[in-house]
PDB file of N, CA and C in Angstrom:
ATOM      1  N   MET A   1      97.054  91.336 107.134  1.00  0.00           N
ATOM      2  CA  MET A   1      98.273  91.852 106.566  1.00  0.00           C
ATOM      3  C   MET A   1      98.140  91.848 105.036  1.00  0.00           C
ATOM      4  N   THR A   2      98.689  92.858 104.415  1.00  0.00           N
ATOM      5  CA  THR A   2      98.641  92.969 102.956  1.00  0.00           C
ATOM      6  C   THR A   2      99.977  92.582 102.353  1.00  0.00           C
ATOM      7  N   GLN A   3      99.929  91.689 101.374  1.00  0.00           N
ATOM      8  CA  GLN A   3     101.118  91.298 100.620  1.00  0.00           C
ATOM      9  C   GLN A   3     101.060  92.016  99.271  1.00  0.00           C
ATOM     10  N   TRP A   4     102.080  92.819  98.972  1.00  0.00           N
ATOM     11  CA  TRP A   4     102.128  93.563  97.717  1.00  0.00           C
ATOM     12  C   TRP A   4     102.882  92.758  96.676  1.00  0.00           C
ATOM     13  N   ILE A   5     102.261  92.570  95.506  1.00  0.00           N
ATOM     14  CA  ILE A   5     102.828  91.745  94.442  1.00  0.00           C
ATOM     15  C   ILE A   5     102.911  92.578  93.169  1.00  0.00           C
ATOM     16  N   LYS A   6     104.095  92.589  92.564  1.00  0.00           N
ATOM     17  CA  LYS A   6     104.265  93.299  91.290  1.00  0.00           C
ATOM     18  C   LYS A   6     103.550  92.513  90.199  1.00  0.00           C
ATOM     19  N   ILE A   7     102.700  93.227  89.435  1.00  0.00           N
ATOM     20  CA  ILE A   7     101.934  92.550  88.392  1.00  0.00           C
ATOM     21  C   ILE A   7     102.262  93.021  86.980  1.00  0.00           C
ATOM     22  N   ALA A   8     102.847  94.209  86.849  1.00  0.00           N
ATOM     23  CA  ALA A   8     103.057  94.759  85.511  1.00  0.00           C
ATOM     24  C   ALA A   8     104.021  95.932  85.562  1.00  0.00           C
ATOM     25  N   GLU A   9     104.349  96.415  84.391  1.00  0.00           N
ATOM     26  CA  GLU A   9     105.127  97.641  84.272  1.00  0.00           C
ATOM     27  C   GLU A   9     104.151  98.824  84.310  1.00  0.00           C
ATOM     28  N   ILE A  10     104.655  99.998  84.580  1.00  0.00           N
ATOM     29  CA  ILE A  10     103.816 101.182  84.772  1.00  0.00           C
ATOM     30  C   ILE A  10     102.936 101.472  83.565  1.00  0.00           C
ATOM     31  N   ASP A  11     103.451 101.325  82.360  1.00  0.00           N
ATOM     32  CA  ASP A  11     102.694 101.682  81.157  1.00  0.00           C
ATOM     33  C   ASP A  11     101.832 100.548  80.614  1.00  0.00           C
ATOM     34  N   ASP A  12     101.723  99.422  81.316  1.00  0.00           N
ATOM     35  CA  ASP A  12     100.970  98.277  80.810  1.00  0.00           C
ATOM     36  C   ASP A  12      99.450  98.465  80.841  1.00  0.00           C
ATOM     37  N   VAL A  13      98.962  99.452  81.603  1.00  0.00           N
ATOM     38  CA  VAL A  13      97.525  99.741  81.644  1.00  0.00           C
ATOM     39  C   VAL A  13      97.354 101.213  81.273  1.00  0.00           C
ATOM     40  N   PRO A  14      97.124 101.502  79.982  1.00  0.00           N
ATOM     41  CA  PRO A  14      97.000 102.898  79.551  1.00  0.00           C
ATOM     42  C   PRO A  14      95.707 103.547  80.045  1.00  0.00           C
ATOM     43  N   ARG A  15      95.690 104.867  80.067  1.00  0.00           N
ATOM     44  CA  ARG A  15      94.499 105.619  80.479  1.00  0.00           C
ATOM     45  C   ARG A  15      93.290 105.182  79.668  1.00  0.00           C
ATOM     46  N   GLY A  16      92.163 105.034  80.367  1.00  0.00           N
ATOM     47  CA  GLY A  16      90.915 104.673  79.713  1.00  0.00           C
ATOM     48  C   GLY A  16      90.792 103.211  79.345  1.00  0.00           C
ATOM     49  N   ALA A  17      91.661 102.372  79.902  1.00  0.00           N
ATOM     50  CA  ALA A  17      91.651 100.955  79.537  1.00  0.00           C
ATOM     51  C   ALA A  17      91.729 100.065  80.776  1.00  0.00           C
ATOM     52  N   GLY A  18      91.458  98.801  80.554  1.00  0.00           N
ATOM     53  CA  GLY A  18      91.598  97.793  81.593  1.00  0.00           C
ATOM     54  C   GLY A  18      92.421  96.640  81.076  1.00  0.00           C
ATOM     55  N   ARG A  19      93.017  95.908  81.996  1.00  0.00           N
ATOM     56  CA  ARG A  19      93.824  94.747  81.618  1.00  0.00           C
ATOM     57  C   ARG A  19      93.734  93.725  82.740  1.00  0.00           C
ATOM     58  N   ALA A  20      93.668  92.446  82.373  1.00  0.00           N
ATOM     59  CA  ALA A  20      93.571  91.368  83.357  1.00  0.00           C
ATOM     60  C   ALA A  20      94.949  90.790  83.662  1.00  0.00           C
ATOM     61  N   PHE A  21      95.133  90.409  84.925  1.00  0.00           N
ATOM     62  CA  PHE A  21      96.368  89.790  85.389  1.00  0.00           C
ATOM     63  C   PHE A  21      96.022  88.618  86.302  1.00  0.00           C
ATOM     64  N   GLU A  22      96.789  87.547  86.221  1.00  0.00           N
ATOM     65  CA  GLU A  22      96.659  86.427  87.150  1.00  0.00           C
ATOM     66  C   GLU A  22      97.617  86.688  88.308  1.00  0.00           C
ATOM     67  N   VAL A  23      97.066  86.729  89.529  1.00  0.00           N
ATOM     68  CA  VAL A  23      97.866  87.023  90.714  1.00  0.00           C
ATOM     69  C   VAL A  23      97.524  85.988  91.784  1.00  0.00           C
ATOM     70  N   GLU A  24      98.470  85.130  92.094  1.00  0.00           N
ATOM     71  CA  GLU A  24      98.249  84.117  93.134  1.00  0.00           C
ATOM     72  C   GLU A  24      96.963  83.324  92.880  1.00  0.00           C
ATOM     73  N   GLY A  25      96.719  82.973  91.630  1.00  0.00           N
ATOM     74  CA  GLY A  25      95.545  82.186  91.277  1.00  0.00           C
ATOM     75  C   GLY A  25      94.250  82.968  91.180  1.00  0.00           C
ATOM     76  N   ILE A  26      94.312  84.286  91.272  1.00  0.00           N
ATOM     77  CA  ILE A  26      93.129  85.145  91.185  1.00  0.00           C
ATOM     78  C   ILE A  26      93.247  85.986  89.914  1.00  0.00           C
ATOM     79  N   SER A  27      92.175  86.045  89.138  1.00  0.00           N
ATOM     80  CA  SER A  27      92.157  86.901  87.957  1.00  0.00           C
ATOM     81  C   SER A  27      91.692  88.285  88.391  1.00  0.00           C
ATOM     82  N   ILE A  28      92.573  89.274  88.232  1.00  0.00           N
ATOM     83  CA  ILE A  28      92.309  90.640  88.686  1.00  0.00           C
ATOM     84  C   ILE A  28      92.342  91.583  87.487  1.00  0.00           C
ATOM     85  N   ALA A  29      91.309  92.434  87.389  1.00  0.00           N
ATOM     86  CA  ALA A  29      91.255  93.452  86.339  1.00  0.00           C
ATOM     87  C   ALA A  29      91.742  94.773  86.925  1.00  0.00           C
ATOM     88  N   VAL A  30      92.687  95.391  86.244  1.00  0.00           N
ATOM     89  CA  VAL A  30      93.193  96.701  86.658  1.00  0.00           C
ATOM     90  C   VAL A  30      92.759  97.719  85.611  1.00  0.00           C
ATOM     91  N   PHE A  31      92.165  98.832  86.079  1.00  0.00           N
ATOM     92  CA  PHE A  31      91.673  99.885  85.200  1.00  0.00           C
ATOM     93  C   PHE A  31      92.403 101.183  85.499  1.00  0.00           C
ATOM     94  N   ASN A  32      92.658 101.965  84.440  1.00  0.00           N
ATOM     95  CA  ASN A  32      93.288 103.265  84.563  1.00  0.00           C
ATOM     96  C   ASN A  32      92.249 104.317  84.166  1.00  0.00           C
ATOM     97  N   VAL A  33      91.751 105.040  85.167  1.00  0.00           N
ATOM     98  CA  VAL A  33      90.768 106.098  84.936  1.00  0.00           C
ATOM     99  C   VAL A  33      91.450 107.431  85.207  1.00  0.00           C
ATOM    100  N   ASP A  34      91.774 108.155  84.144  1.00  0.00           N
ATOM    101  CA  ASP A  34      92.428 109.459  84.252  1.00  0.00           C
ATOM    102  C   ASP A  34      93.686 109.412  85.109  1.00  0.00           C
ATOM    103  N   GLY A  35      94.467 108.348  84.957  1.00  0.00           N
ATOM    104  CA  GLY A  35      95.731 108.226  85.678  1.00  0.00           C
ATOM    105  C   GLY A  35      95.627 107.584  87.051  1.00  0.00           C
ATOM    106  N   ARG A  36      94.407 107.309  87.528  1.00  0.00           N
ATOM    107  CA  ARG A  36      94.206 106.613  88.810  1.00  0.00           C
ATOM    108  C   ARG A  36      93.920 105.158  88.525  1.00  0.00           C
ATOM    109  N   LEU A  37      94.527 104.275  89.305  1.00  0.00           N
ATOM    110  CA  LEU A  37      94.382 102.842  89.100  1.00  0.00           C
ATOM    111  C   LEU A  37      93.387 102.236  90.075  1.00  0.00           C
ATOM    112  N   TYR A  38      92.603 101.283  89.574  1.00  0.00           N
ATOM    113  CA  TYR A  38      91.621 100.553  90.375  1.00  0.00           C
ATOM    114  C   TYR A  38      91.727  99.083  90.011  1.00  0.00           C
ATOM    115  N   ALA A  39      91.577  98.203  91.008  1.00  0.00           N
ATOM    116  CA  ALA A  39      91.672  96.766  90.766  1.00  0.00           C
ATOM    117  C   ALA A  39      90.467  96.059  91.374  1.00  0.00           C
ATOM    118  N   ILE A  40      89.837  95.198  90.566  1.00  0.00           N
ATOM    119  CA  ILE A  40      88.684  94.414  91.013  1.00  0.00           C
ATOM    120  C   ILE A  40      88.816  92.992  90.469  1.00  0.00           C
ATOM    121  N   ASP A  41      87.994  92.072  90.992  1.00  0.00           N
ATOM    122  CA  ASP A  41      87.928  90.737  90.398  1.00  0.00           C
ATOM    123  C   ASP A  41      87.639  90.887  88.918  1.00  0.00           C
ATOM    124  N   ASP A  42      88.303  90.086  88.103  1.00  0.00           N
ATOM    125  CA  ASP A  42      88.098  90.191  86.657  1.00  0.00           C
ATOM    126  C   ASP A  42      86.832  89.488  86.200  1.00  0.00           C
ATOM    127  N   ASN A  43      86.321  88.554  86.972  1.00  0.00           N
ATOM    128  CA  ASN A  43      85.179  87.752  86.540  1.00  0.00           C
ATOM    129  C   ASN A  43      83.854  88.408  86.899  1.00  0.00           C
ATOM    130  N   CYS A  44      83.028  88.656  85.875  1.00  0.00           N
ATOM    131  CA  CYS A  44      81.685  89.184  86.100  1.00  0.00           C
ATOM    132  C   CYS A  44      80.886  88.143  86.878  1.00  0.00           C
ATOM    133  N   PRO A  45      80.147  88.544  87.924  1.00  0.00           N
ATOM    134  CA  PRO A  45      79.408  87.564  88.715  1.00  0.00           C
ATOM    135  C   PRO A  45      78.248  86.900  87.967  1.00  0.00           C
ATOM    136  N   HIS A  46      77.860  87.448  86.816  1.00  0.00           N
ATOM    137  CA  HIS A  46      76.732  86.853  86.087  1.00  0.00           C
ATOM    138  C   HIS A  46      77.133  85.526  85.451  1.00  0.00           C
ATOM    139  N   GLN A  47      78.143  85.533  84.587  1.00  0.00           N
ATOM    140  CA  GLN A  47      78.576  84.288  83.954  1.00  0.00           C
ATOM    141  C   GLN A  47      80.081  84.211  83.789  1.00  0.00           C
ATOM    142  N   GLY A  48      80.823  85.011  84.542  1.00  0.00           N
ATOM    143  CA  GLY A  48      82.271  84.887  84.581  1.00  0.00           C
ATOM    144  C   GLY A  48      83.052  85.525  83.454  1.00  0.00           C
ATOM    145  N   SER A  49      82.415  86.331  82.609  1.00  0.00           N
ATOM    146  CA  SER A  49      83.159  86.995  81.534  1.00  0.00           C
ATOM    147  C   SER A  49      84.196  87.951  82.111  1.00  0.00           C
ATOM    148  N   SER A  50      85.243  88.193  81.348  1.00  0.00           N
ATOM    149  CA  SER A  50      86.310  89.097  81.777  1.00  0.00           C
ATOM    150  C   SER A  50      85.818  90.539  81.781  1.00  0.00           C
ATOM    151  N   LEU A  51      85.873  91.175  82.952  1.00  0.00           N
ATOM    152  CA  LEU A  51      85.502  92.595  83.030  1.00  0.00           C
ATOM    153  C   LEU A  51      86.557  93.477  82.372  1.00  0.00           C
ATOM    154  N   ALA A  52      87.814  93.048  82.392  1.00  0.00           N
ATOM    155  CA  ALA A  52      88.880  93.839  81.763  1.00  0.00           C
ATOM    156  C   ALA A  52      88.650  93.995  80.266  1.00  0.00           C
ATOM    157  N   MET A  53      87.903  93.072  79.671  1.00  0.00           N
ATOM    158  CA  MET A  53      87.614  93.129  78.236  1.00  0.00           C
ATOM    159  C   MET A  53      86.379  93.976  77.940  1.00  0.00           C
ATOM    160  N   GLY A  54      85.719  94.470  78.990  1.00  0.00           N
ATOM    161  CA  GLY A  54      84.520  95.286  78.808  1.00  0.00           C
ATOM    162  C   GLY A  54      84.847  96.705  78.401  1.00  0.00           C
ATOM    163  N   ARG A  55      83.787  97.489  78.173  1.00  0.00           N
ATOM    164  CA  ARG A  55      83.945  98.888  77.768  1.00  0.00           C
ATOM    165  C   ARG A  55      83.967  99.759  79.013  1.00  0.00           C
ATOM    166  N   LEU A  56      85.044 100.528  79.164  1.00  0.00           N
ATOM    167  CA  LEU A  56      85.206 101.427  80.303  1.00  0.00           C
ATOM    168  C   LEU A  56      84.706 102.810  79.919  1.00  0.00           C
ATOM    169  N   ASP A  57      83.778 103.331  80.730  1.00  0.00           N
ATOM    170  CA  ASP A  57      83.238 104.670  80.523  1.00  0.00           C
ATOM    171  C   ASP A  57      83.297 105.384  81.865  1.00  0.00           C
ATOM    172  N   GLY A  58      84.297 106.234  82.042  1.00  0.00           N
ATOM    173  CA  GLY A  58      84.520 106.859  83.343  1.00  0.00           C
ATOM    174  C   GLY A  58      84.894 105.789  84.349  1.00  0.00           C
ATOM    175  N   TYR A  59      84.133 105.718  85.447  1.00  0.00           N
ATOM    176  CA  TYR A  59      84.414 104.743  86.498  1.00  0.00           C
ATOM    177  C   TYR A  59      83.603 103.463  86.354  1.00  0.00           C
ATOM    178  N   VAL A  60      82.901 103.298  85.241  1.00  0.00           N
ATOM    179  CA  VAL A  60      82.023 102.138  85.068  1.00  0.00           C
ATOM    180  C   VAL A  60      82.485 101.304  83.883  1.00  0.00           C
ATOM    181  N   VAL A  61      82.644  99.993  84.133  1.00  0.00           N
ATOM    182  CA  VAL A  61      82.957  99.061  83.063  1.00  0.00           C
ATOM    183  C   VAL A  61      81.697  98.249  82.780  1.00  0.00           C
ATOM    184  N   THR A  62      81.405  98.069  81.490  1.00  0.00           N
ATOM    185  CA  THR A  62      80.247  97.289  81.074  1.00  0.00           C
ATOM    186  C   THR A  62      80.717  95.938  80.571  1.00  0.00           C
ATOM    187  N   CYS A  63      80.193  94.869  81.181  1.00  0.00           N
ATOM    188  CA  CYS A  63      80.553  93.516  80.781  1.00  0.00           C
ATOM    189  C   CYS A  63      80.172  93.298  79.322  1.00  0.00           C
ATOM    190  N   ARG A  64      81.074  92.730  78.564  1.00  0.00           N
ATOM    191  CA  ARG A  64      80.838  92.547  77.131  1.00  0.00           C
ATOM    192  C   ARG A  64      79.823  91.450  76.835  1.00  0.00           C
ATOM    193  N   SER A  65      79.572  90.557  77.797  1.00  0.00           N
ATOM    194  CA  SER A  65      78.658  89.450  77.536  1.00  0.00           C
ATOM    195  C   SER A  65      77.186  89.815  77.701  1.00  0.00           C
ATOM    196  N   HIS A  66      76.842  90.448  78.818  1.00  0.00           N
ATOM    197  CA  HIS A  66      75.432  90.700  79.084  1.00  0.00           C
ATOM    198  C   HIS A  66      75.133  92.128  79.538  1.00  0.00           C
ATOM    199  N   GLY A  67      76.116  93.008  79.475  1.00  0.00           N
ATOM    200  CA  GLY A  67      75.869  94.418  79.751  1.00  0.00           C
ATOM    201  C   GLY A  67      75.803  94.822  81.208  1.00  0.00           C
ATOM    202  N   MET A  68      76.184  93.929  82.133  1.00  0.00           N
ATOM    203  CA  MET A  68      76.207  94.333  83.543  1.00  0.00           C
ATOM    204  C   MET A  68      77.223  95.448  83.713  1.00  0.00           C
ATOM    205  N   LYS A  69      76.908  96.398  84.568  1.00  0.00           N
ATOM    206  CA  LYS A  69      77.778  97.541  84.796  1.00  0.00           C
ATOM    207  C   LYS A  69      78.374  97.442  86.195  1.00  0.00           C
ATOM    208  N   VAL A  70      79.693  97.671  86.279  1.00  0.00           N
ATOM    209  CA  VAL A  70      80.416  97.579  87.547  1.00  0.00           C
ATOM    210  C   VAL A  70      81.216  98.858  87.747  1.00  0.00           C
ATOM    211  N   ASN A  71      81.052  99.475  88.915  1.00  0.00           N
ATOM    212  CA  ASN A  71      81.857 100.637  89.274  1.00  0.00           C
ATOM    213  C   ASN A  71      83.228 100.115  89.692  1.00  0.00           C
ATOM    214  N   VAL A  72      84.283 100.518  88.993  1.00  0.00           N
ATOM    215  CA  VAL A  72      85.613  99.967  89.240  1.00  0.00           C
ATOM    216  C   VAL A  72      86.254 100.494  90.517  1.00  0.00           C
ATOM    217  N   THR A  73      85.709 101.563  91.091  1.00  0.00           N
ATOM    218  CA  THR A  73      86.319 102.114  92.307  1.00  0.00           C
ATOM    219  C   THR A  73      86.096 101.227  93.522  1.00  0.00           C
ATOM    220  N   ALA A  74      84.985 100.478  93.550  1.00  0.00           N
ATOM    221  CA  ALA A  74      84.676  99.644  94.721  1.00  0.00           C
ATOM    222  C   ALA A  74      84.108  98.278  94.359  1.00  0.00           C
ATOM    223  N   GLY A  75      83.966  97.981  93.068  1.00  0.00           N
ATOM    224  CA  GLY A  75      83.438  96.693  92.654  1.00  0.00           C
ATOM    225  C   GLY A  75      81.931  96.565  92.773  1.00  0.00           C
ATOM    226  N   GLU A  76      81.213  97.669  92.838  1.00  0.00           N
ATOM    227  CA  GLU A  76      79.761  97.646  92.998  1.00  0.00           C
ATOM    228  C   GLU A  76      79.061  97.477  91.654  1.00  0.00           C
ATOM    229  N   LEU A  77      78.155  96.504  91.595  1.00  0.00           N
ATOM    230  CA  LEU A  77      77.336  96.338  90.399  1.00  0.00           C
ATOM    231  C   LEU A  77      76.236  97.381  90.415  1.00  0.00           C
ATOM    232  N   GLN A  78      75.914  97.904  89.248  1.00  0.00           N
ATOM    233  CA  GLN A  78      74.910  98.950  89.160  1.00  0.00           C
ATOM    234  C   GLN A  78      73.727  98.452  88.366  1.00  0.00           C
ATOM    235  N   PRO A  79      72.556  98.851  88.618  1.00  0.00           N
ATOM    236  CA  PRO A  79      72.151  99.792  89.669  1.00  0.00           C
ATOM    237  C   PRO A  79      71.706  99.053  90.928  1.00  0.00           C
ATOM    238  N   GLY A  80      72.520  99.009  91.909  1.00  0.00           N
ATOM    239  CA  GLY A  80      72.200  98.480  93.228  1.00  0.00           C
ATOM    240  C   GLY A  80      71.614  97.082  93.247  1.00  0.00           C
ATOM    241  N   LEU A  81      72.236  96.145  92.541  1.00  0.00           N
ATOM    242  CA  LEU A  81      71.713  94.784  92.478  1.00  0.00           C
ATOM    243  C   LEU A  81      72.019  93.972  93.730  1.00  0.00           C
ATOM    244  N   GLY A  82      72.818  94.524  94.623  1.00  0.00           N
ATOM    245  CA  GLY A  82      73.182  93.788  95.827  1.00  0.00           C
ATOM    246  C   GLY A  82      74.328  92.822  95.608  1.00  0.00           C
ATOM    247  N   LEU A  83      74.873  92.776  94.414  1.00  0.00           N
ATOM    248  CA  LEU A  83      76.037  91.941  94.110  1.00  0.00           C
ATOM    249  C   LEU A  83      77.243  92.848  93.952  1.00  0.00           C
ATOM    250  N   ASN A  84      78.377  92.354  94.360  1.00  0.00           N
ATOM    251  CA  ASN A  84      79.619  93.101  94.192  1.00  0.00           C
ATOM    252  C   ASN A  84      80.719  92.136  93.798  1.00  0.00           C
ATOM    253  N   VAL A  85      81.781  92.677  93.255  1.00  0.00           N
ATOM    254  CA  VAL A  85      83.011  91.915  93.067  1.00  0.00           C
ATOM    255  C   VAL A  85      84.039  92.507  94.023  1.00  0.00           C
ATOM    256  N   ARG A  86      85.015  91.699  94.385  1.00  0.00           N
ATOM    257  CA  ARG A  86      86.039  92.200  95.304  1.00  0.00           C
ATOM    258  C   ARG A  86      86.854  93.299  94.650  1.00  0.00           C
ATOM    259  N   SER A  87      87.272  94.241  95.481  1.00  0.00           N
ATOM    260  CA  SER A  87      88.216  95.255  95.022  1.00  0.00           C
ATOM    261  C   SER A  87      89.526  95.044  95.775  1.00  0.00           C
ATOM    262  N   PHE A  88      90.608  95.486  95.171  1.00  0.00           N
ATOM    263  CA  PHE A  88      91.936  95.296  95.727  1.00  0.00           C
ATOM    264  C   PHE A  88      92.696  96.613  95.696  1.00  0.00           C
ATOM    265  N   PRO A  89      93.556  96.849  96.682  1.00  0.00           N
ATOM    266  CA  PRO A  89      94.404  98.033  96.593  1.00  0.00           C
ATOM    267  C   PRO A  89      95.423  97.847  95.467  1.00  0.00           C
ATOM    268  N   VAL A  90      95.720  98.921  94.776  1.00  0.00           N
ATOM    269  CA  VAL A  90      96.702  98.873  93.689  1.00  0.00           C
ATOM    270  C   VAL A  90      97.540 100.145  93.764  1.00  0.00           C
ATOM    271  N   GLU A  91      98.825 100.002  93.499  1.00  0.00           N
ATOM    272  CA  GLU A  91      99.743 101.144  93.553  1.00  0.00           C
ATOM    273  C   GLU A  91     100.651 101.156  92.338  1.00  0.00           C
ATOM    274  N   SER A  92     100.956 102.374  91.901  1.00  0.00           N
ATOM    275  CA  SER A  92     101.975 102.578  90.884  1.00  0.00           C
ATOM    276  C   SER A  92     103.242 103.016  91.614  1.00  0.00           C
ATOM    277  N   ARG A  93     104.283 102.225  91.459  1.00  0.00           N
ATOM    278  CA  ARG A  93     105.574 102.538  92.071  1.00  0.00           C
ATOM    279  C   ARG A  93     106.593 102.756  90.967  1.00  0.00           C
ATOM    280  N   PRO A  94     107.746 103.335  91.290  1.00  0.00           N
ATOM    281  CA  PRO A  94     108.724 103.595  90.236  1.00  0.00           C
ATOM    282  C   PRO A  94     109.119 102.362  89.422  1.00  0.00           C
ATOM    283  N   ASP A  95     109.062 101.170  90.041  1.00  0.00           N
ATOM    284  CA  ASP A  95     109.475  99.966  89.318  1.00  0.00           C
ATOM    285  C   ASP A  95     108.314  99.140  88.783  1.00  0.00           C
ATOM    286  N   GLY A  96     107.051  99.620  88.888  1.00  0.00           N
ATOM    287  CA  GLY A  96     105.930  98.891  88.305  1.00  0.00           C
ATOM    288  C   GLY A  96     104.638  99.051  89.056  1.00  0.00           C
ATOM    289  N   LEU A  97     103.635  98.261  88.628  1.00  0.00           N
ATOM    290  CA  LEU A  97     102.317  98.252  89.255  1.00  0.00           C
ATOM    291  C   LEU A  97     102.241  97.096  90.246  1.00  0.00           C
ATOM    292  N   TYR A  98     101.681  97.389  91.426  1.00  0.00           N
ATOM    293  CA  TYR A  98     101.559  96.393  92.484  1.00  0.00           C
ATOM    294  C   TYR A  98     100.108  96.296  92.924  1.00  0.00           C
ATOM    295  N   VAL A  99      99.679  95.065  93.243  1.00  0.00           N
ATOM    296  CA  VAL A  99      98.357  94.852  93.802  1.00  0.00           C
ATOM    297  C   VAL A  99      98.543  94.254  95.202  1.00  0.00           C
ATOM    298  N   GLY A 100      97.653  94.638  96.115  1.00  0.00           N
ATOM    299  CA  GLY A 100      97.734  94.145  97.488  1.00  0.00           C
ATOM    300  C   GLY A 100      96.726  93.037  97.741  1.00  0.00           C
ATOM    301  N   LEU A 101      97.204  91.905  98.241  1.00  0.00           N
ATOM    302  CA  LEU A 101      96.339  90.793  98.602  1.00  0.00           C
ATOM    303  C   LEU A 101      96.404  90.575 100.102  1.00  0.00           C
ATOM    304  N   GLN A 102      95.268  90.265 100.694  1.00  0.00           N
ATOM    305  CA  GLN A 102      95.219  89.981 102.130  1.00  0.00           C
ATOM    306  C   GLN A 102      95.785  88.595 102.385  1.00  0.00           C
ATOM    307  N   THR A 103      96.627  88.500 103.401  1.00  0.00           N
ATOM    308  CA  THR A 103      97.169  87.208 103.810  1.00  0.00           C
ATOM    309  C   THR A 103      96.603  86.858 105.182  1.00  0.00           C
ATOM    310  N   SER A 104      96.620  85.580 105.491  1.00  0.00           N
ATOM    311  CA  SER A 104      96.016  85.129 106.736  1.00  0.00           C
ATOM    312  C   SER A 104      96.908  85.381 107.944  1.00  0.00           C
ATOM    313  N   SER A 105      98.187  85.609 107.749  1.00  0.00           N
ATOM    314  CA  SER A 105      99.066  85.831 108.913  1.00  0.00           C
ATOM    315  C   SER A 105      99.573  87.244 108.976  1.00  0.00           C
TER     316      SER A 105
END
């Protein structure tokens, strides 16, 4: 089951940018690519740097610490390193931005 949690206002993540949010103890980076929203774990798997603080180029964010590249649409590290970060569903609703977290029940 998915629990939808409001994390921000609609304009809090402008086009071409990312922003980190703490949601139920999880740091989640939300990116706005040409008006479409994507949400992934904010922590780079290499040394935990914030991916939201990285440089976004199209669908790829580059970690500011060591240059790892992550596709924000699915959390895939490039080029095919076999490591991924979790991705989360995200929605823009009239009253704000929501992220979906899986619940056990």
